[in-house]
Amino acid sequence: MSEHHSGPVETGASMDYKEHEKTYDLFIAGTKYGTVLLVTLMIAMAAGFFGGAGLIGGFFIWIVLTVAGIFMMR
């Protein structure tokens, strides 16, 4: 705070762009696969509760849809 910088604040610090890109890629991958997990969970819960599949059937549907979704997202 007490240092005097000449020029714009945006150019004051050097950036590690490779680290920024790795963080961004990790965030996008986490969001993508997290969305697949949650959507398949909602479908499996609907099948288990309202479709008559029950707990075991809903779990089986969730596993199958999750594997298929992750395979399709790659």
PDB file of N, CA and C in Angstrom:
ATOM      1  N   MET A   1       0.814  -1.181   0.000  1.00  0.00           N
ATOM      2  CA  MET A   1       0.000   0.000   0.000  1.00  0.00           C
ATOM      3  C   MET A   1       0.863   1.253   0.000  1.00  0.00           C
ATOM      4  N   SER A   2       1.964   1.220   0.706  1.00  0.00           N
ATOM      5  CA  SER A   2       2.781   2.424   0.798  1.00  0.00           C
ATOM      6  C   SER A   2       3.723   2.585  -0.392  1.00  0.00           C
ATOM      7  N   GLU A   3       3.823   1.557  -1.238  1.00  0.00           N
ATOM      8  CA  GLU A   3       4.692   1.663  -2.394  1.00  0.00           C
ATOM      9  C   GLU A   3       4.070   2.587  -3.435  1.00  0.00           C
ATOM     10  N   HIS A   4       4.934   3.262  -4.151  1.00  0.00           N
ATOM     11  CA  HIS A   4       4.453   4.154  -5.203  1.00  0.00           C
ATOM     12  C   HIS A   4       4.660   3.473  -6.553  1.00  0.00           C
ATOM     13  N   HIS A   5       3.586   3.246  -7.247  1.00  0.00           N
ATOM     14  CA  HIS A   5       3.653   2.616  -8.563  1.00  0.00           C
ATOM     15  C   HIS A   5       3.373   3.665  -9.625  1.00  0.00           C
ATOM     16  N   SER A   6       4.153   3.636 -10.643  1.00  0.00           N
ATOM     17  CA  SER A   6       3.865   4.523 -11.762  1.00  0.00           C
ATOM     18  C   SER A   6       3.152   3.719 -12.841  1.00  0.00           C
ATOM     19  N   GLY A   7       2.195   4.277 -13.473  1.00  0.00           N
ATOM     20  CA  GLY A   7       1.456   3.583 -14.513  1.00  0.00           C
ATOM     21  C   GLY A   7       0.172   2.987 -13.964  1.00  0.00           C
ATOM     22  N   PRO A   8      -0.585   2.324 -14.826  1.00  0.00           N
ATOM     23  CA  PRO A   8      -1.859   1.735 -14.403  1.00  0.00           C
ATOM     24  C   PRO A   8      -1.664   0.587 -13.414  1.00  0.00           C
ATOM     25  N   VAL A   9      -2.632   0.404 -12.559  1.00  0.00           N
ATOM     26  CA  VAL A   9      -2.567  -0.652 -11.555  1.00  0.00           C
ATOM     27  C   VAL A   9      -2.614  -2.022 -12.220  1.00  0.00           C
ATOM     28  N   GLU A  10      -3.346  -2.144 -13.334  1.00  0.00           N
ATOM     29  CA  GLU A  10      -3.507  -3.429 -14.005  1.00  0.00           C
ATOM     30  C   GLU A  10      -2.190  -4.004 -14.504  1.00  0.00           C
ATOM     31  N   THR A  11      -1.240  -3.161 -14.832  1.00  0.00           N
ATOM     32  CA  THR A  11       0.049  -3.639 -15.342  1.00  0.00           C
ATOM     33  C   THR A  11       1.122  -3.661 -14.265  1.00  0.00           C
ATOM     34  N   GLY A  12       0.736  -3.488 -13.013  1.00  0.00           N
ATOM     35  CA  GLY A  12       1.721  -3.402 -11.940  1.00  0.00           C
ATOM     36  C   GLY A  12       2.336  -4.722 -11.540  1.00  0.00           C
ATOM     37  N   ALA A  13       1.621  -5.809 -11.670  1.00  0.00           N
ATOM     38  CA  ALA A  13       2.131  -7.109 -11.224  1.00  0.00           C
ATOM     39  C   ALA A  13       2.267  -8.045 -12.416  1.00  0.00           C
ATOM     40  N   SER A  14       3.278  -8.875 -12.331  1.00  0.00           N
ATOM     41  CA  SER A  14       3.430  -9.878 -13.397  1.00  0.00           C
ATOM     42  C   SER A  14       2.453 -11.018 -13.153  1.00  0.00           C
ATOM     43  N   MET A  15       1.920 -11.575 -14.217  1.00  0.00           N
ATOM     44  CA  MET A  15       0.919 -12.631 -14.117  1.00  0.00           C
ATOM     45  C   MET A  15       1.499 -13.972 -14.549  1.00  0.00           C
ATOM     46  N   ASP A  16       1.037 -15.009 -13.864  1.00  0.00           N
ATOM     47  CA  ASP A  16       1.413 -16.367 -14.222  1.00  0.00           C
ATOM     48  C   ASP A  16       0.270 -16.943 -15.060  1.00  0.00           C
ATOM     49  N   TYR A  17       0.334 -16.724 -16.358  1.00  0.00           N
ATOM     50  CA  TYR A  17      -0.780 -17.089 -17.232  1.00  0.00           C
ATOM     51  C   TYR A  17      -0.969 -18.597 -17.356  1.00  0.00           C
ATOM     52  N   LYS A  18       0.090 -19.369 -17.265  1.00  0.00           N
ATOM     53  CA  LYS A  18      -0.061 -20.834 -17.316  1.00  0.00           C
ATOM     54  C   LYS A  18      -0.869 -21.318 -16.119  1.00  0.00           C
ATOM     55  N   GLU A  19      -0.608 -20.757 -14.944  1.00  0.00           N
ATOM     56  CA  GLU A  19      -1.361 -21.143 -13.748  1.00  0.00           C
ATOM     57  C   GLU A  19      -2.818 -20.703 -13.860  1.00  0.00           C
ATOM     58  N   HIS A  20      -3.057 -19.536 -14.425  1.00  0.00           N
ATOM     59  CA  HIS A  20      -4.431 -19.074 -14.641  1.00  0.00           C
ATOM     60  C   HIS A  20      -5.172 -20.020 -15.584  1.00  0.00           C
ATOM     61  N   GLU A  21      -4.525 -20.436 -16.648  1.00  0.00           N
ATOM     62  CA  GLU A  21      -5.163 -21.339 -17.598  1.00  0.00           C
ATOM     63  C   GLU A  21      -5.427 -22.705 -16.988  1.00  0.00           C
ATOM     64  N   LYS A  22      -4.517 -23.223 -16.165  1.00  0.00           N
ATOM     65  CA  LYS A  22      -4.748 -24.505 -15.496  1.00  0.00           C
ATOM     66  C   LYS A  22      -5.919 -24.407 -14.526  1.00  0.00           C
ATOM     67  N   THR A  23      -5.996 -23.304 -13.789  1.00  0.00           N
ATOM     68  CA  THR A  23      -7.110 -23.112 -12.859  1.00  0.00           C
ATOM     69  C   THR A  23      -8.431 -23.013 -13.605  1.00  0.00           C
ATOM     70  N   TYR A  24      -8.446 -22.285 -14.698  1.00  0.00           N
ATOM     71  CA  TYR A  24      -9.660 -22.144 -15.503  1.00  0.00           C
ATOM     72  C   TYR A  24     -10.097 -23.494 -16.067  1.00  0.00           C
ATOM     73  N   ASP A  25      -9.152 -24.252 -16.609  1.00  0.00           N
ATOM     74  CA  ASP A  25      -9.485 -25.570 -17.165  1.00  0.00           C
ATOM     75  C   ASP A  25     -10.026 -26.502 -16.088  1.00  0.00           C
ATOM     76  N   LEU A  26      -9.441 -26.453 -14.886  1.00  0.00           N
ATOM     77  CA  LEU A  26      -9.921 -27.285 -13.777  1.00  0.00           C
ATOM     78  C   LEU A  26     -11.326 -26.866 -13.356  1.00  0.00           C
ATOM     79  N   PHE A  27     -11.583 -25.569 -13.314  1.00  0.00           N
ATOM     80  CA  PHE A  27     -12.909 -25.077 -12.955  1.00  0.00           C
ATOM     81  C   PHE A  27     -13.950 -25.518 -13.978  1.00  0.00           C
ATOM     82  N   ILE A  28     -13.634 -25.391 -15.263  1.00  0.00           N
ATOM     83  CA  ILE A  28     -14.570 -25.792 -16.317  1.00  0.00           C
ATOM     84  C   ILE A  28     -14.843 -27.293 -16.250  1.00  0.00           C
ATOM     85  N   ALA A  29     -13.801 -28.095 -16.037  1.00  0.00           N
ATOM     86  CA  ALA A  29     -13.989 -29.550 -15.942  1.00  0.00           C
ATOM     87  C   ALA A  29     -14.846 -29.904 -14.723  1.00  0.00           C
ATOM     88  N   GLY A  30     -14.586 -29.267 -13.601  1.00  0.00           N
ATOM     89  CA  GLY A  30     -15.387 -29.535 -12.401  1.00  0.00           C
ATOM     90  C   GLY A  30     -16.839 -29.156 -12.584  1.00  0.00           C
ATOM     91  N   THR A  31     -17.071 -28.037 -13.237  1.00  0.00           N
ATOM     92  CA  THR A  31     -18.440 -27.602 -13.501  1.00  0.00           C
ATOM     93  C   THR A  31     -19.145 -28.559 -14.450  1.00  0.00           C
ATOM     94  N   LYS A  32     -18.438 -28.984 -15.474  1.00  0.00           N
ATOM     95  CA  LYS A  32     -19.023 -29.874 -16.483  1.00  0.00           C
ATOM     96  C   LYS A  32     -19.396 -31.225 -15.865  1.00  0.00           C
ATOM     97  N   TYR A  33     -18.456 -31.842 -15.175  1.00  0.00           N
ATOM     98  CA  TYR A  33     -18.723 -33.162 -14.606  1.00  0.00           C
ATOM     99  C   TYR A  33     -19.649 -33.087 -13.396  1.00  0.00           C
ATOM    100  N   GLY A  34     -19.585 -31.999 -12.651  1.00  0.00           N
ATOM    101  CA  GLY A  34     -20.523 -31.817 -11.548  1.00  0.00           C
ATOM    102  C   GLY A  34     -21.946 -31.684 -12.035  1.00  0.00           C
ATOM    103  N   THR A  35     -22.129 -30.996 -13.151  1.00  0.00           N
ATOM    104  CA  THR A  35     -23.460 -30.871 -13.742  1.00  0.00           C
ATOM    105  C   THR A  35     -23.979 -32.214 -14.213  1.00  0.00           C
ATOM    106  N   VAL A  36     -23.106 -33.014 -14.819  1.00  0.00           N
ATOM    107  CA  VAL A  36     -23.510 -34.365 -15.250  1.00  0.00           C
ATOM    108  C   VAL A  36     -23.953 -35.180 -14.040  1.00  0.00           C
ATOM    109  N   LEU A  37     -23.192 -35.130 -12.962  1.00  0.00           N
ATOM    110  CA  LEU A  37     -23.551 -35.900 -11.767  1.00  0.00           C
ATOM    111  C   LEU A  37     -24.889 -35.458 -11.190  1.00  0.00           C
ATOM    112  N   LEU A  38     -25.113 -34.154 -11.111  1.00  0.00           N
ATOM    113  CA  LEU A  38     -26.359 -33.678 -10.525  1.00  0.00           C
ATOM    114  C   LEU A  38     -27.574 -33.947 -11.412  1.00  0.00           C
ATOM    115  N   VAL A  39     -27.429 -33.786 -12.707  1.00  0.00           N
ATOM    116  CA  VAL A  39     -28.554 -34.048 -13.613  1.00  0.00           C
ATOM    117  C   VAL A  39     -28.922 -35.526 -13.590  1.00  0.00           C
ATOM    118  N   THR A  40     -27.913 -36.390 -13.632  1.00  0.00           N
ATOM    119  CA  THR A  40     -28.215 -37.824 -13.591  1.00  0.00           C
ATOM    120  C   THR A  40     -28.798 -38.229 -12.241  1.00  0.00           C
ATOM    121  N   LEU A  41     -28.381 -37.571 -11.171  1.00  0.00           N
ATOM    122  CA  LEU A  41     -28.960 -37.853  -9.855  1.00  0.00           C
ATOM    123  C   LEU A  41     -30.435 -37.476  -9.818  1.00  0.00           C
ATOM    124  N   MET A  42     -30.777 -36.326 -10.399  1.00  0.00           N
ATOM    125  CA  MET A  42     -32.178 -35.908 -10.429  1.00  0.00           C
ATOM    126  C   MET A  42     -33.031 -36.863 -11.266  1.00  0.00           C
ATOM    127  N   ILE A  43     -32.497 -37.318 -12.389  1.00  0.00           N
ATOM    128  CA  ILE A  43     -33.232 -38.275 -13.227  1.00  0.00           C
ATOM    129  C   ILE A  43     -33.411 -39.595 -12.483  1.00  0.00           C
ATOM    130  N   ALA A  44     -32.361 -40.057 -11.816  1.00  0.00           N
ATOM    131  CA  ALA A  44     -32.451 -41.319 -11.074  1.00  0.00           C
ATOM    132  C   ALA A  44     -33.407 -41.204  -9.892  1.00  0.00           C
ATOM    133  N   MET A  45     -33.421 -40.050  -9.236  1.00  0.00           N
ATOM    134  CA  MET A  45     -34.361 -39.864  -8.131  1.00  0.00           C
ATOM    135  C   MET A  45     -35.795 -39.859  -8.623  1.00  0.00           C
ATOM    136  N   ALA A  46     -36.018 -39.230  -9.766  1.00  0.00           N
ATOM    137  CA  ALA A  46     -37.367 -39.226 -10.339  1.00  0.00           C
ATOM    138  C   ALA A  46     -37.789 -40.635 -10.725  1.00  0.00           C
ATOM    139  N   ALA A  47     -36.871 -41.411 -11.296  1.00  0.00           N
ATOM    140  CA  ALA A  47     -37.199 -42.790 -11.671  1.00  0.00           C
ATOM    141  C   ALA A  47     -37.444 -43.636 -10.424  1.00  0.00           C
ATOM    142  N   GLY A  48     -36.664 -43.421  -9.398  1.00  0.00           N
ATOM    143  CA  GLY A  48     -36.814 -44.215  -8.184  1.00  0.00           C
ATOM    144  C   GLY A  48     -38.067 -43.867  -7.404  1.00  0.00           C
ATOM    145  N   PHE A  49     -38.374 -42.571  -7.298  1.00  0.00           N
ATOM    146  CA  PHE A  49     -39.519 -42.155  -6.480  1.00  0.00           C
ATOM    147  C   PHE A  49     -40.836 -42.240  -7.234  1.00  0.00           C
ATOM    148  N   PHE A  50     -40.849 -41.784  -8.474  1.00  0.00           N
ATOM    149  CA  PHE A  50     -42.109 -41.688  -9.203  1.00  0.00           C
ATOM    150  C   PHE A  50     -42.294 -42.775 -10.247  1.00  0.00           C
ATOM    151  N   GLY A  51     -41.225 -43.377 -10.701  1.00  0.00           N
ATOM    152  CA  GLY A  51     -41.311 -44.383 -11.745  1.00  0.00           C
ATOM    153  C   GLY A  51     -41.416 -45.792 -11.211  1.00  0.00           C
ATOM    154  N   GLY A  52     -41.312 -45.965  -9.928  1.00  0.00           N
ATOM    155  CA  GLY A  52     -41.440 -47.288  -9.344  1.00  0.00           C
ATOM    156  C   GLY A  52     -40.176 -48.119  -9.387  1.00  0.00           C
ATOM    157  N   ALA A  53     -39.040 -47.516  -9.697  1.00  0.00           N
ATOM    158  CA  ALA A  53     -37.791 -48.286  -9.763  1.00  0.00           C
ATOM    159  C   ALA A  53     -37.261 -48.614  -8.375  1.00  0.00           C
ATOM    160  N   GLY A  54     -37.601 -47.820  -7.384  1.00  0.00           N
ATOM    161  CA  GLY A  54     -37.149 -48.063  -6.030  1.00  0.00           C
ATOM    162  C   GLY A  54     -35.707 -47.610  -5.815  1.00  0.00           C
ATOM    163  N   LEU A  55     -35.181 -47.906  -4.648  1.00  0.00           N
ATOM    164  CA  LEU A  55     -33.840 -47.467  -4.280  1.00  0.00           C
ATOM    165  C   LEU A  55     -32.761 -48.127  -5.128  1.00  0.00           C
ATOM    166  N   ILE A  56     -32.832 -49.429  -5.259  1.00  0.00           N
ATOM    167  CA  ILE A  56     -31.810 -50.159  -6.025  1.00  0.00           C
ATOM    168  C   ILE A  56     -31.892 -49.801  -7.504  1.00  0.00           C
ATOM    169  N   GLY A  57     -33.091 -49.731  -8.044  1.00  0.00           N
ATOM    170  CA  GLY A  57     -33.260 -49.365  -9.442  1.00  0.00           C
ATOM    171  C   GLY A  57     -32.798 -47.946  -9.720  1.00  0.00           C
ATOM    172  N   GLY A  58     -33.104 -47.012  -8.806  1.00  0.00           N
ATOM    173  CA  GLY A  58     -32.656 -45.635  -8.964  1.00  0.00           C
ATOM    174  C   GLY A  58     -31.144 -45.525  -8.899  1.00  0.00           C
ATOM    175  N   PHE A  59     -30.533 -46.291  -8.013  1.00  0.00           N
ATOM    176  CA  PHE A  59     -29.068 -46.285  -7.911  1.00  0.00           C
ATOM    177  C   PHE A  59     -28.440 -46.846  -9.181  1.00  0.00           C
ATOM    178  N   PHE A  60     -29.010 -47.921  -9.699  1.00  0.00           N
ATOM    179  CA  PHE A  60     -28.503 -48.525 -10.930  1.00  0.00           C
ATOM    180  C   PHE A  60     -28.650 -47.557 -12.108  1.00  0.00           C
ATOM    181  N   ILE A  61     -29.791 -46.894 -12.189  1.00  0.00           N
ATOM    182  CA  ILE A  61     -30.015 -45.905 -13.253  1.00  0.00           C
ATOM    183  C   ILE A  61     -29.013 -44.760 -13.128  1.00  0.00           C
ATOM    184  N   TRP A  62     -28.747 -44.314 -11.895  1.00  0.00           N
ATOM    185  CA  TRP A  62     -27.796 -43.224 -11.675  1.00  0.00           C
ATOM    186  C   TRP A  62     -26.387 -43.614 -12.131  1.00  0.00           C
ATOM    187  N   ILE A  63     -25.966 -44.829 -11.801  1.00  0.00           N
ATOM    188  CA  ILE A  63     -24.636 -45.284 -12.200  1.00  0.00           C
ATOM    189  C   ILE A  63     -24.531 -45.357 -13.723  1.00  0.00           C
ATOM    190  N   VAL A  64     -25.537 -45.951 -14.363  1.00  0.00           N
ATOM    191  CA  VAL A  64     -25.503 -46.102 -15.822  1.00  0.00           C
ATOM    192  C   VAL A  64     -25.506 -44.741 -16.512  1.00  0.00           C
ATOM    193  N   LEU A  65     -26.384 -43.840 -16.082  1.00  0.00           N
ATOM    194  CA  LEU A  65     -26.455 -42.522 -16.710  1.00  0.00           C
ATOM    195  C   LEU A  65     -25.202 -41.693 -16.449  1.00  0.00           C
ATOM    196  N   THR A  66     -24.619 -41.816 -15.259  1.00  0.00           N
ATOM    197  CA  THR A  66     -23.393 -41.077 -14.944  1.00  0.00           C
ATOM    198  C   THR A  66     -22.240 -41.544 -15.817  1.00  0.00           C
ATOM    199  N   VAL A  67     -22.084 -42.846 -15.956  1.00  0.00           N
ATOM    200  CA  VAL A  67     -21.010 -43.377 -16.812  1.00  0.00           C
ATOM    201  C   VAL A  67     -21.235 -42.944 -18.257  1.00  0.00           C
ATOM    202  N   ALA A  68     -22.469 -43.021 -18.730  1.00  0.00           N
ATOM    203  CA  ALA A  68     -22.765 -42.606 -20.105  1.00  0.00           C
ATOM    204  C   ALA A  68     -22.534 -41.106 -20.288  1.00  0.00           C
ATOM    205  N   GLY A  69     -22.927 -40.297 -19.318  1.00  0.00           N
ATOM    206  CA  GLY A  69     -22.738 -38.857 -19.413  1.00  0.00           C
ATOM    207  C   GLY A  69     -21.285 -38.460 -19.403  1.00  0.00           C
ATOM    208  N   ILE A  70     -20.498 -39.073 -18.524  1.00  0.00           N
ATOM    209  CA  ILE A  70     -19.070 -38.754 -18.472  1.00  0.00           C
ATOM    210  C   ILE A  70     -18.381 -39.217 -19.748  1.00  0.00           C
ATOM    211  N   PHE A  71     -18.778 -40.365 -20.265  1.00  0.00           N
ATOM    212  CA  PHE A  71     -18.206 -40.847 -21.530  1.00  0.00           C
ATOM    213  C   PHE A  71     -18.524 -39.876 -22.665  1.00  0.00           C
ATOM    214  N   MET A  72     -19.750 -39.356 -22.695  1.00  0.00           N
ATOM    215  CA  MET A  72     -20.141 -38.439 -23.762  1.00  0.00           C
ATOM    216  C   MET A  72     -19.501 -37.062 -23.609  1.00  0.00           C
ATOM    217  N   MET A  73     -19.137 -36.657 -22.405  1.00  0.00           N
ATOM    218  CA  MET A  73     -18.538 -35.340 -22.180  1.00  0.00           C
ATOM    219  C   MET A  73     -17.058 -35.310 -22.538  1.00  0.00           C
ATOM    220  N   ARG A  74     -16.415 -36.431 -22.659  1.00  0.00           N
ATOM    221  CA  ARG A  74     -14.984 -36.460 -22.957  1.00  0.00           C
ATOM    222  C   ARG A  74     -14.760 -36.137 -24.348  1.00  0.00           C
TER     223      ARG A  74
END
